[in-house]
């Protein structure tokens, strides 16, 4: 019977060791609704903090969003959707092993756009747009992903039609190359509902006359199913009126992604990392068991009559 107790104690300590090895999960989740309380899908939600690379995601059909593995700190969250005023929440404090839940309400009727520039300036802008030369873009999003597994997505833009944009890619997706209009300053963004997208580069970058400029994102699907990513690319101009900079869209590409469920939800990598500690615990318990067994045998020998 005591042997069974030792085995039970050993199993319990192994389980406790594995659970203790799991890092605390810190998340920010919430829902975005309209004035009537109805969920708003497709809202771009962005998480920001000083010294923190902004993360963006889009709300699901139920208006839900989720950010996982958020470092402790104080954050701001903005929610933006066409036809609604931008909403920003500040001073959101996040501590270790905490789940922060938020409800964000958007008011219909976005801030009116600035008045159009004087007619005399429009021909110059139209001429700049129509005079953009053809360049090329390469992008490599995966068409199949695994739930909660992060994949690297890259985009490269060149003013040259002969530049090799496929060499040295880190992402596993199949590279696609297309011709687009290119200016010396370009903006690229990646968004998708139920994806967690981490921007690894500035959205607006300069594109040199030779070589290429690269954009990178880490993309993680939050759930399984058929999903859509959107790659948007714009040429950026400096203007003498209204906004100092104006962007002109040259690509809006839907990318259809099939997300499969994880086959092995158990974290083998983490388990192997702490396997040494578990083996040490097992060896200690086995030593205790052997010692108790030897002591019991010795007591029996002492009680035996001469």
C-alpha atoms as a PDB file:
ATOM      1  CA  UNK A   1       0.000   0.000   0.000  1.00  0.00           C
ATOM      2  CA  UNK A   2       2.869   2.344   0.836  1.00  0.00           C
ATOM      3  CA  UNK A   3       4.329   1.714  -2.635  1.00  0.00           C
ATOM      4  CA  UNK A   4       1.084   2.995  -4.144  1.00  0.00           C
ATOM      5  CA  UNK A   5       1.276   6.090  -1.918  1.00  0.00           C
ATOM      6  CA  UNK A   6       4.834   6.783  -3.108  1.00  0.00           C
ATOM      7  CA  UNK A   7       3.748   6.432  -6.750  1.00  0.00           C
ATOM      8  CA  UNK A   8       0.792   8.764  -6.144  1.00  0.00           C
ATOM      9  CA  UNK A   9       3.100  11.304  -4.464  1.00  0.00           C
ATOM     10  CA  UNK A  10       5.541  11.050  -7.372  1.00  0.00           C
ATOM     11  CA  UNK A  11       2.760  11.632  -9.949  1.00  0.00           C
ATOM     12  CA  UNK A  12       1.408  14.621  -8.016  1.00  0.00           C
ATOM     13  CA  UNK A  13       4.843  16.278  -7.757  1.00  0.00           C
ATOM     14  CA  UNK A  14       5.515  15.725 -11.476  1.00  0.00           C
ATOM     15  CA  UNK A  15       2.190  17.353 -12.359  1.00  0.00           C
ATOM     16  CA  UNK A  16       2.887  20.287 -10.026  1.00  0.00           C
ATOM     17  CA  UNK A  17       6.323  20.733 -11.614  1.00  0.00           C
ATOM     18  CA  UNK A  18       4.827  20.878 -15.120  1.00  0.00           C
ATOM     19  CA  UNK A  19       2.148  23.345 -14.047  1.00  0.00           C
ATOM     20  CA  UNK A  20       4.707  25.542 -12.301  1.00  0.00           C
ATOM     21  CA  UNK A  21       6.820  25.528 -15.464  1.00  0.00           C
ATOM     22  CA  UNK A  22       4.039  27.109 -17.495  1.00  0.00           C
ATOM     23  CA  UNK A  23       4.629  30.873 -17.806  1.00  0.00           C
ATOM     24  CA  UNK A  24       1.852  33.167 -16.546  1.00  0.00           C
ATOM     25  CA  UNK A  25      -0.551  34.232 -19.285  1.00  0.00           C
ATOM     26  CA  UNK A  26      -1.245  37.963 -19.606  1.00  0.00           C
ATOM     27  CA  UNK A  27      -4.020  38.965 -22.012  1.00  0.00           C
ATOM     28  CA  UNK A  28      -6.112  41.922 -23.060  1.00  0.00           C
ATOM     29  CA  UNK A  29      -9.474  41.012 -24.531  1.00  0.00           C
ATOM     30  CA  UNK A  30     -12.721  42.802 -25.188  1.00  0.00           C
ATOM     31  CA  UNK A  31     -15.606  43.603 -27.484  1.00  0.00           C
ATOM     32  CA  UNK A  32     -16.418  46.589 -29.683  1.00  0.00           C
ATOM     33  CA  UNK A  33     -20.065  47.609 -30.059  1.00  0.00           C
ATOM     34  CA  UNK A  34     -22.067  50.473 -31.569  1.00  0.00           C
ATOM     35  CA  UNK A  35     -24.365  52.905 -29.759  1.00  0.00           C
ATOM     36  CA  UNK A  36     -27.150  50.303 -29.592  1.00  0.00           C
ATOM     37  CA  UNK A  37     -24.826  47.660 -28.141  1.00  0.00           C
ATOM     38  CA  UNK A  38     -24.624  45.586 -31.327  1.00  0.00           C
ATOM     39  CA  UNK A  39     -21.212  43.973 -32.000  1.00  0.00           C
ATOM     40  CA  UNK A  40     -19.038  45.585 -34.672  1.00  0.00           C
ATOM     41  CA  UNK A  41     -16.932  43.207 -36.814  1.00  0.00           C
ATOM     42  CA  UNK A  42     -13.901  44.351 -38.807  1.00  0.00           C
ATOM     43  CA  UNK A  43     -12.853  47.087 -36.351  1.00  0.00           C
ATOM     44  CA  UNK A  44      -9.092  47.716 -36.361  1.00  0.00           C
ATOM     45  CA  UNK A  45      -7.912  47.581 -32.735  1.00  0.00           C
ATOM     46  CA  UNK A  46      -4.353  48.751 -32.010  1.00  0.00           C
ATOM     47  CA  UNK A  47      -2.385  48.276 -28.781  1.00  0.00           C
ATOM     48  CA  UNK A  48       0.338  50.840 -28.024  1.00  0.00           C
ATOM     49  CA  UNK A  49       2.777  51.749 -25.232  1.00  0.00           C
ATOM     50  CA  UNK A  50       6.103  53.652 -24.992  1.00  0.00           C
ATOM     51  CA  UNK A  51       8.937  51.420 -26.180  1.00  0.00           C
ATOM     52  CA  UNK A  52       6.447  48.770 -27.337  1.00  0.00           C
ATOM     53  CA  UNK A  53       6.017  47.813 -30.999  1.00  0.00           C
ATOM     54  CA  UNK A  54       2.312  48.435 -31.765  1.00  0.00           C
ATOM     55  CA  UNK A  55       0.115  45.382 -32.296  1.00  0.00           C
ATOM     56  CA  UNK A  56      -3.021  45.459 -34.402  1.00  0.00           C
ATOM     57  CA  UNK A  57      -5.891  43.035 -34.855  1.00  0.00           C
ATOM     58  CA  UNK A  58      -9.434  43.147 -36.227  1.00  0.00           C
ATOM     59  CA  UNK A  59     -12.590  42.246 -34.375  1.00  0.00           C
ATOM     60  CA  UNK A  60     -14.360  38.974 -35.149  1.00  0.00           C
ATOM     61  CA  UNK A  61     -17.961  38.725 -36.427  1.00  0.00           C
ATOM     62  CA  UNK A  62     -18.975  38.868 -32.746  1.00  0.00           C
ATOM     63  CA  UNK A  63     -17.031  42.113 -32.256  1.00  0.00           C
ATOM     64  CA  UNK A  64     -14.378  40.404 -30.107  1.00  0.00           C
ATOM     65  CA  UNK A  65     -10.635  41.030 -30.039  1.00  0.00           C
ATOM     66  CA  UNK A  66      -7.748  39.447 -28.129  1.00  0.00           C
ATOM     67  CA  UNK A  67      -4.099  40.262 -27.433  1.00  0.00           C
ATOM     68  CA  UNK A  68      -2.038  37.533 -25.744  1.00  0.00           C
ATOM     69  CA  UNK A  69       1.414  37.480 -24.124  1.00  0.00           C
ATOM     70  CA  UNK A  70       1.245  41.190 -23.279  1.00  0.00           C
ATOM     71  CA  UNK A  71       4.239  42.381 -21.176  1.00  0.00           C
ATOM     72  CA  UNK A  72       3.342  44.181 -17.914  1.00  0.00           C
ATOM     73  CA  UNK A  73       2.970  47.938 -18.372  1.00  0.00           C
ATOM     74  CA  UNK A  74       0.577  50.774 -19.103  1.00  0.00           C
ATOM     75  CA  UNK A  75      -1.050  50.745 -22.544  1.00  0.00           C
ATOM     76  CA  UNK A  76      -3.473  52.625 -24.757  1.00  0.00           C
ATOM     77  CA  UNK A  77      -5.933  50.980 -27.153  1.00  0.00           C
ATOM     78  CA  UNK A  78      -7.548  52.604 -30.178  1.00  0.00           C
ATOM     79  CA  UNK A  79     -10.508  51.290 -32.184  1.00  0.00           C
ATOM     80  CA  UNK A  80     -11.186  52.505 -35.718  1.00  0.00           C
ATOM     81  CA  UNK A  81     -13.897  51.681 -38.260  1.00  0.00           C
ATOM     82  CA  UNK A  82     -15.090  53.613 -41.299  1.00  0.00           C
ATOM     83  CA  UNK A  83     -18.251  55.565 -40.514  1.00  0.00           C
ATOM     84  CA  UNK A  84     -17.484  55.797 -36.770  1.00  0.00           C
ATOM     85  CA  UNK A  85     -15.468  58.208 -34.664  1.00  0.00           C
ATOM     86  CA  UNK A  86     -12.101  56.849 -33.551  1.00  0.00           C
ATOM     87  CA  UNK A  87     -12.156  55.758 -29.895  1.00  0.00           C
ATOM     88  CA  UNK A  88      -9.014  55.651 -27.745  1.00  0.00           C
ATOM     89  CA  UNK A  89      -8.676  54.283 -24.212  1.00  0.00           C
ATOM     90  CA  UNK A  90      -5.589  55.223 -22.208  1.00  0.00           C
ATOM     91  CA  UNK A  91      -3.826  54.250 -18.973  1.00  0.00           C
ATOM     92  CA  UNK A  92      -4.713  50.565 -19.217  1.00  0.00           C
ATOM     93  CA  UNK A  93      -2.549  48.899 -16.583  1.00  0.00           C
ATOM     94  CA  UNK A  94      -1.477  45.285 -17.156  1.00  0.00           C
ATOM     95  CA  UNK A  95       0.220  43.118 -14.526  1.00  0.00           C
ATOM     96  CA  UNK A  96       1.651  39.594 -14.638  1.00  0.00           C
ATOM     97  CA  UNK A  97      -0.844  36.705 -15.013  1.00  0.00           C
ATOM     98  CA  UNK A  98      -3.775  39.086 -15.515  1.00  0.00           C
ATOM     99  CA  UNK A  99      -6.598  39.095 -18.054  1.00  0.00           C
ATOM    100  CA  UNK A 100      -7.878  42.599 -18.743  1.00  0.00           C
ATOM    101  CA  UNK A 101     -11.397  42.775 -20.188  1.00  0.00           C
ATOM    102  CA  UNK A 102     -12.592  45.880 -22.026  1.00  0.00           C
ATOM    103  CA  UNK A 103     -15.833  47.023 -23.627  1.00  0.00           C
ATOM    104  CA  UNK A 104     -15.407  49.678 -26.312  1.00  0.00           C
ATOM    105  CA  UNK A 105     -18.351  51.626 -27.732  1.00  0.00           C
ATOM    106  CA  UNK A 106     -18.021  53.510 -31.021  1.00  0.00           C
ATOM    107  CA  UNK A 107     -20.185  56.470 -31.935  1.00  0.00           C
ATOM    108  CA  UNK A 108     -21.501  56.667 -35.489  1.00  0.00           C
ATOM    109  CA  UNK A 109     -20.602  59.701 -37.536  1.00  0.00           C
ATOM    110  CA  UNK A 110     -16.848  59.981 -37.962  1.00  0.00           C
ATOM    111  CA  UNK A 111     -15.135  63.349 -37.782  1.00  0.00           C
ATOM    112  CA  UNK A 112     -15.802  65.047 -41.133  1.00  0.00           C
ATOM    113  CA  UNK A 113     -12.823  64.960 -43.490  1.00  0.00           C
ATOM    114  CA  UNK A 114     -11.010  68.205 -44.198  1.00  0.00           C
ATOM    115  CA  UNK A 115     -12.349  70.222 -47.128  1.00  0.00           C
ATOM    116  CA  UNK A 116     -10.945  69.259 -50.530  1.00  0.00           C
ATOM    117  CA  UNK A 117      -7.899  71.200 -51.709  1.00  0.00           C
ATOM    118  CA  UNK A 118      -8.321  74.097 -54.122  1.00  0.00           C
ATOM    119  CA  UNK A 119      -9.010  72.992 -57.674  1.00  0.00           C
ATOM    120  CA  UNK A 120      -5.843  74.633 -58.946  1.00  0.00           C
ATOM    121  CA  UNK A 121      -3.722  72.120 -56.995  1.00  0.00           C
ATOM    122  CA  UNK A 122      -5.541  68.967 -58.147  1.00  0.00           C
ATOM    123  CA  UNK A 123      -3.949  68.716 -61.599  1.00  0.00           C
ATOM    124  CA  UNK A 124      -0.488  68.600 -60.025  1.00  0.00           C
ATOM    125  CA  UNK A 125      -1.508  65.736 -57.734  1.00  0.00           C
ATOM    126  CA  UNK A 126      -3.285  63.882 -60.548  1.00  0.00           C
ATOM    127  CA  UNK A 127      -0.200  64.268 -62.709  1.00  0.00           C
ATOM    128  CA  UNK A 128       2.013  62.906 -59.917  1.00  0.00           C
ATOM    129  CA  UNK A 129      -0.231  59.847 -59.492  1.00  0.00           C
ATOM    130  CA  UNK A 130      -0.596  59.128 -63.200  1.00  0.00           C
ATOM    131  CA  UNK A 131       3.131  59.629 -63.699  1.00  0.00           C
ATOM    132  CA  UNK A 132       4.137  56.974 -61.144  1.00  0.00           C
ATOM    133  CA  UNK A 133       6.415  54.374 -62.737  1.00  0.00           C
ATOM    134  CA  UNK A 134       5.729  50.657 -62.569  1.00  0.00           C
ATOM    135  CA  UNK A 135       7.730  48.717 -60.004  1.00  0.00           C
ATOM    136  CA  UNK A 136       7.136  45.376 -58.337  1.00  0.00           C
ATOM    137  CA  UNK A 137       6.009  43.944 -55.039  1.00  0.00           C
ATOM    138  CA  UNK A 138       6.694  40.518 -53.555  1.00  0.00           C
ATOM    139  CA  UNK A 139       4.567  39.157 -50.671  1.00  0.00           C
ATOM    140  CA  UNK A 140       4.556  35.680 -49.127  1.00  0.00           C
ATOM    141  CA  UNK A 141       1.597  35.088 -46.779  1.00  0.00           C
ATOM    142  CA  UNK A 142       0.846  31.427 -46.039  1.00  0.00           C
ATOM    143  CA  UNK A 143      -2.403  30.000 -47.402  1.00  0.00           C
ATOM    144  CA  UNK A 144      -2.505  27.381 -44.631  1.00  0.00           C
ATOM    145  CA  UNK A 145      -1.771  28.035 -40.963  1.00  0.00           C
ATOM    146  CA  UNK A 146      -2.168  26.319 -37.592  1.00  0.00           C
ATOM    147  CA  UNK A 147      -4.209  27.826 -34.792  1.00  0.00           C
ATOM    148  CA  UNK A 148      -2.087  29.849 -32.306  1.00  0.00           C
ATOM    149  CA  UNK A 149       1.098  29.250 -34.344  1.00  0.00           C
ATOM    150  CA  UNK A 150       2.945  32.399 -35.460  1.00  0.00           C
ATOM    151  CA  UNK A 151       4.146  32.738 -39.042  1.00  0.00           C
ATOM    152  CA  UNK A 152       6.346  35.442 -40.566  1.00  0.00           C
ATOM    153  CA  UNK A 153       4.924  37.407 -43.510  1.00  0.00           C
ATOM    154  CA  UNK A 154       7.132  39.665 -45.626  1.00  0.00           C
ATOM    155  CA  UNK A 155       6.561  42.196 -48.372  1.00  0.00           C
ATOM    156  CA  UNK A 156       9.252  43.754 -50.551  1.00  0.00           C
ATOM    157  CA  UNK A 157       8.806  46.705 -52.902  1.00  0.00           C
ATOM    158  CA  UNK A 158      11.250  47.813 -55.580  1.00  0.00           C
ATOM    159  CA  UNK A 159      11.233  50.557 -58.168  1.00  0.00           C
ATOM    160  CA  UNK A 160      13.053  48.160 -60.508  1.00  0.00           C
ATOM    161  CA  UNK A 161      11.175  45.582 -62.572  1.00  0.00           C
ATOM    162  CA  UNK A 162      14.241  43.315 -62.709  1.00  0.00           C
ATOM    163  CA  UNK A 163      15.155  43.216 -58.997  1.00  0.00           C
ATOM    164  CA  UNK A 164      15.210  39.701 -57.456  1.00  0.00           C
ATOM    165  CA  UNK A 165      12.817  39.969 -54.500  1.00  0.00           C
ATOM    166  CA  UNK A 166      12.650  36.282 -53.526  1.00  0.00           C
ATOM    167  CA  UNK A 167      16.171  35.664 -52.212  1.00  0.00           C
ATOM    168  CA  UNK A 168      16.661  35.132 -48.466  1.00  0.00           C
ATOM    169  CA  UNK A 169      13.018  35.117 -47.364  1.00  0.00           C
ATOM    170  CA  UNK A 170      12.320  34.026 -43.793  1.00  0.00           C
ATOM    171  CA  UNK A 171       8.592  33.386 -44.143  1.00  0.00           C
ATOM    172  CA  UNK A 172       7.374  29.953 -45.278  1.00  0.00           C
ATOM    173  CA  UNK A 173       4.615  31.199 -47.603  1.00  0.00           C
ATOM    174  CA  UNK A 174       4.899  30.940 -51.380  1.00  0.00           C
ATOM    175  CA  UNK A 175       6.244  34.249 -52.796  1.00  0.00           C
ATOM    176  CA  UNK A 176       3.927  36.185 -55.141  1.00  0.00           C
ATOM    177  CA  UNK A 177       5.307  38.917 -57.395  1.00  0.00           C
ATOM    178  CA  UNK A 178       3.141  41.590 -59.049  1.00  0.00           C
ATOM    179  CA  UNK A 179       3.705  44.889 -60.822  1.00  0.00           C
ATOM    180  CA  UNK A 180       2.370  47.991 -59.060  1.00  0.00           C
ATOM    181  CA  UNK A 181       2.868  51.744 -59.250  1.00  0.00           C
ATOM    182  CA  UNK A 182       5.716  52.764 -56.959  1.00  0.00           C
ATOM    183  CA  UNK A 183       6.742  56.128 -55.491  1.00  0.00           C
ATOM    184  CA  UNK A 184       9.838  56.967 -53.478  1.00  0.00           C
ATOM    185  CA  UNK A 185       7.748  56.638 -50.292  1.00  0.00           C
ATOM    186  CA  UNK A 186       5.373  53.693 -49.775  1.00  0.00           C
ATOM    187  CA  UNK A 187       3.003  52.509 -47.039  1.00  0.00           C
ATOM    188  CA  UNK A 188       2.149  48.847 -46.420  1.00  0.00           C
ATOM    189  CA  UNK A 189      -0.166  47.250 -43.872  1.00  0.00           C
ATOM    190  CA  UNK A 190      -1.533  43.806 -43.043  1.00  0.00           C
ATOM    191  CA  UNK A 191      -4.846  43.235 -41.230  1.00  0.00           C
ATOM    192  CA  UNK A 192      -7.319  40.421 -40.652  1.00  0.00           C
ATOM    193  CA  UNK A 193     -10.194  39.519 -38.341  1.00  0.00           C
ATOM    194  CA  UNK A 194      -9.307  36.971 -35.627  1.00  0.00           C
ATOM    195  CA  UNK A 195      -5.580  37.354 -36.302  1.00  0.00           C
ATOM    196  CA  UNK A 196      -3.011  38.771 -33.940  1.00  0.00           C
ATOM    197  CA  UNK A 197      -0.612  40.798 -36.097  1.00  0.00           C
ATOM    198  CA  UNK A 198       2.652  42.235 -34.792  1.00  0.00           C
ATOM    199  CA  UNK A 199       4.230  44.962 -36.965  1.00  0.00           C
ATOM    200  CA  UNK A 200       8.007  44.513 -37.154  1.00  0.00           C
ATOM    201  CA  UNK A 201       8.678  47.514 -39.410  1.00  0.00           C
ATOM    202  CA  UNK A 202       7.429  51.060 -39.893  1.00  0.00           C
ATOM    203  CA  UNK A 203       4.274  51.298 -42.051  1.00  0.00           C
ATOM    204  CA  UNK A 204       5.697  54.158 -44.169  1.00  0.00           C
ATOM    205  CA  UNK A 205       9.198  53.671 -45.609  1.00  0.00           C
ATOM    206  CA  UNK A 206      11.367  55.105 -48.341  1.00  0.00           C
ATOM    207  CA  UNK A 207      11.931  52.969 -51.453  1.00  0.00           C
ATOM    208  CA  UNK A 208      15.351  53.553 -53.086  1.00  0.00           C
ATOM    209  CA  UNK A 209      15.888  53.751 -56.830  1.00  0.00           C
ATOM    210  CA  UNK A 210      17.861  50.466 -56.657  1.00  0.00           C
ATOM    211  CA  UNK A 211      17.367  47.486 -54.372  1.00  0.00           C
ATOM    212  CA  UNK A 212      14.176  47.074 -52.365  1.00  0.00           C
ATOM    213  CA  UNK A 213      12.478  47.985 -49.087  1.00  0.00           C
ATOM    214  CA  UNK A 214      11.062  45.302 -46.811  1.00  0.00           C
ATOM    215  CA  UNK A 215       8.030  45.140 -44.499  1.00  0.00           C
ATOM    216  CA  UNK A 216       7.571  42.310 -41.967  1.00  0.00           C
ATOM    217  CA  UNK A 217       4.753  41.058 -39.737  1.00  0.00           C
ATOM    218  CA  UNK A 218       4.379  38.185 -37.290  1.00  0.00           C
ATOM    219  CA  UNK A 219       0.886  36.743 -37.796  1.00  0.00           C
ATOM    220  CA  UNK A 220      -0.908  34.382 -35.404  1.00  0.00           C
ATOM    221  CA  UNK A 221      -4.466  33.089 -36.005  1.00  0.00           C
ATOM    222  CA  UNK A 222      -6.532  32.935 -32.822  1.00  0.00           C
ATOM    223  CA  UNK A 223      -8.885  30.181 -33.981  1.00  0.00           C
ATOM    224  CA  UNK A 224      -9.384  27.600 -36.709  1.00  0.00           C
ATOM    225  CA  UNK A 225     -11.482  28.123 -39.845  1.00  0.00           C
ATOM    226  CA  UNK A 226     -11.374  29.911 -43.183  1.00  0.00           C
ATOM    227  CA  UNK A 227      -9.931  33.412 -42.689  1.00  0.00           C
ATOM    228  CA  UNK A 228      -9.010  36.438 -44.789  1.00  0.00           C
ATOM    229  CA  UNK A 229      -5.951  38.660 -44.520  1.00  0.00           C
ATOM    230  CA  UNK A 230      -5.807  42.026 -46.297  1.00  0.00           C
ATOM    231  CA  UNK A 231      -2.556  43.432 -47.653  1.00  0.00           C
ATOM    232  CA  UNK A 232      -2.898  47.155 -48.412  1.00  0.00           C
ATOM    233  CA  UNK A 233      -0.212  49.190 -50.183  1.00  0.00           C
ATOM    234  CA  UNK A 234      -0.250  52.931 -50.935  1.00  0.00           C
ATOM    235  CA  UNK A 235       2.036  55.460 -52.573  1.00  0.00           C
ATOM    236  CA  UNK A 236       2.738  58.422 -50.278  1.00  0.00           C
ATOM    237  CA  UNK A 237       3.101  62.020 -51.521  1.00  0.00           C
ATOM    238  CA  UNK A 238       4.150  65.285 -49.930  1.00  0.00           C
ATOM    239  CA  UNK A 239       1.649  68.066 -50.679  1.00  0.00           C
ATOM    240  CA  UNK A 240       1.547  71.849 -50.394  1.00  0.00           C
ATOM    241  CA  UNK A 241      -2.062  71.994 -49.157  1.00  0.00           C
ATOM    242  CA  UNK A 242      -4.317  70.377 -46.576  1.00  0.00           C
ATOM    243  CA  UNK A 243      -2.550  67.335 -45.118  1.00  0.00           C
ATOM    244  CA  UNK A 244       1.209  67.449 -45.439  1.00  0.00           C
ATOM    245  CA  UNK A 245       1.160  63.887 -46.736  1.00  0.00           C
ATOM    246  CA  UNK A 246      -1.374  62.111 -48.887  1.00  0.00           C
ATOM    247  CA  UNK A 247      -1.518  58.418 -49.714  1.00  0.00           C
ATOM    248  CA  UNK A 248      -2.876  56.867 -52.883  1.00  0.00           C
ATOM    249  CA  UNK A 249      -3.826  53.139 -52.758  1.00  0.00           C
ATOM    250  CA  UNK A 250      -2.101  50.988 -55.367  1.00  0.00           C
ATOM    251  CA  UNK A 251      -3.028  47.539 -53.979  1.00  0.00           C
ATOM    252  CA  UNK A 252      -5.664  46.011 -51.696  1.00  0.00           C
ATOM    253  CA  UNK A 253      -5.155  42.262 -51.797  1.00  0.00           C
ATOM    254  CA  UNK A 254      -7.396  39.746 -49.994  1.00  0.00           C
ATOM    255  CA  UNK A 255      -5.470  36.629 -48.980  1.00  0.00           C
ATOM    256  CA  UNK A 256      -7.518  33.559 -48.109  1.00  0.00           C
ATOM    257  CA  UNK A 257      -6.061  31.431 -45.319  1.00  0.00           C
ATOM    258  CA  UNK A 258      -7.186  28.022 -44.056  1.00  0.00           C
ATOM    259  CA  UNK A 259      -6.424  27.709 -40.345  1.00  0.00           C
ATOM    260  CA  UNK A 260      -6.269  24.192 -38.892  1.00  0.00           C
ATOM    261  CA  UNK A 261      -6.584  23.227 -35.247  1.00  0.00           C
ATOM    262  CA  UNK A 262      -3.450  22.361 -33.336  1.00  0.00           C
ATOM    263  CA  UNK A 263      -2.771  18.624 -33.427  1.00  0.00           C
ATOM    264  CA  UNK A 264      -0.677  18.682 -30.256  1.00  0.00           C
ATOM    265  CA  UNK A 265      -1.876  21.325 -27.819  1.00  0.00           C
ATOM    266  CA  UNK A 266       0.602  20.078 -25.189  1.00  0.00           C
ATOM    267  CA  UNK A 267       3.690  22.283 -25.079  1.00  0.00           C
ATOM    268  CA  UNK A 268       6.402  19.689 -25.726  1.00  0.00           C
ATOM    269  CA  UNK A 269       9.126  22.302 -26.050  1.00  0.00           C
ATOM    270  CA  UNK A 270       8.385  23.683 -22.606  1.00  0.00           C
ATOM    271  CA  UNK A 271       8.029  20.201 -21.132  1.00  0.00           C
ATOM    272  CA  UNK A 272      11.453  19.184 -22.464  1.00  0.00           C
ATOM    273  CA  UNK A 273      12.944  22.393 -21.119  1.00  0.00           C
ATOM    274  CA  UNK A 274      11.936  21.407 -17.602  1.00  0.00           C
ATOM    275  CA  UNK A 275      12.464  17.677 -18.058  1.00  0.00           C
ATOM    276  CA  UNK A 276      15.725  17.871 -16.106  1.00  0.00           C
ATOM    277  CA  UNK A 277      13.888  19.211 -13.061  1.00  0.00           C
ATOM    278  CA  UNK A 278      11.246  16.513 -13.303  1.00  0.00           C
ATOM    279  CA  UNK A 279      13.895  13.799 -13.568  1.00  0.00           C
ATOM    280  CA  UNK A 280      15.606  15.259 -10.498  1.00  0.00           C
ATOM    281  CA  UNK A 281      12.343  15.135  -8.547  1.00  0.00           C
ATOM    282  CA  UNK A 282      11.771  11.548  -9.687  1.00  0.00           C
ATOM    283  CA  UNK A 283      15.287  10.540  -8.610  1.00  0.00           C
ATOM    284  CA  UNK A 284      14.763  12.178  -5.202  1.00  0.00           C
ATOM    285  CA  UNK A 285      11.456  10.422  -4.650  1.00  0.00           C
ATOM    286  CA  UNK A 286      12.953   7.105  -5.700  1.00  0.00           C
ATOM    287  CA  UNK A 287      15.793   7.651  -3.233  1.00  0.00           C
ATOM    288  CA  UNK A 288      13.286   8.382  -0.438  1.00  0.00           C
ATOM    289  CA  UNK A 289      11.352   5.256  -1.368  1.00  0.00           C
ATOM    290  CA  UNK A 290      14.500   3.087  -1.308  1.00  0.00           C
ATOM    291  CA  UNK A 291      15.569   4.608   2.013  1.00  0.00           C
ATOM    292  CA  UNK A 292      12.189   3.969   3.625  1.00  0.00           C
ATOM    293  CA  UNK A 293      12.180   0.424   2.290  1.00  0.00           C
ATOM    294  CA  UNK A 294      15.683  -0.231   3.670  1.00  0.00           C
ATOM    295  CA  UNK A 295      14.716   1.238   7.055  1.00  0.00           C
ATOM    296  CA  UNK A 296      11.613  -0.949   7.193  1.00  0.00           C
ATOM    297  CA  UNK A 297      13.691  -4.021   6.386  1.00  0.00           C
ATOM    298  CA  UNK A 298      16.204  -3.095   9.100  1.00  0.00           C
ATOM    299  CA  UNK A 299      13.435  -2.703  11.704  1.00  0.00           C
ATOM    300  CA  UNK A 300      12.065  -6.122  10.801  1.00  0.00           C
ATOM    301  CA  UNK A 301      15.530  -7.597  11.286  1.00  0.00           C
ATOM    302  CA  UNK A 302      15.871  -5.966  14.715  1.00  0.00           C
ATOM    303  CA  UNK A 303      12.464  -7.330  15.853  1.00  0.00           C
ATOM    304  CA  UNK A 304      13.316 -10.901  14.784  1.00  0.00           C
ATOM    305  CA  UNK A 305      13.994 -13.112  17.899  1.00  0.00           C
ATOM    306  CA  UNK A 306      17.447 -14.634  18.325  1.00  0.00           C
END
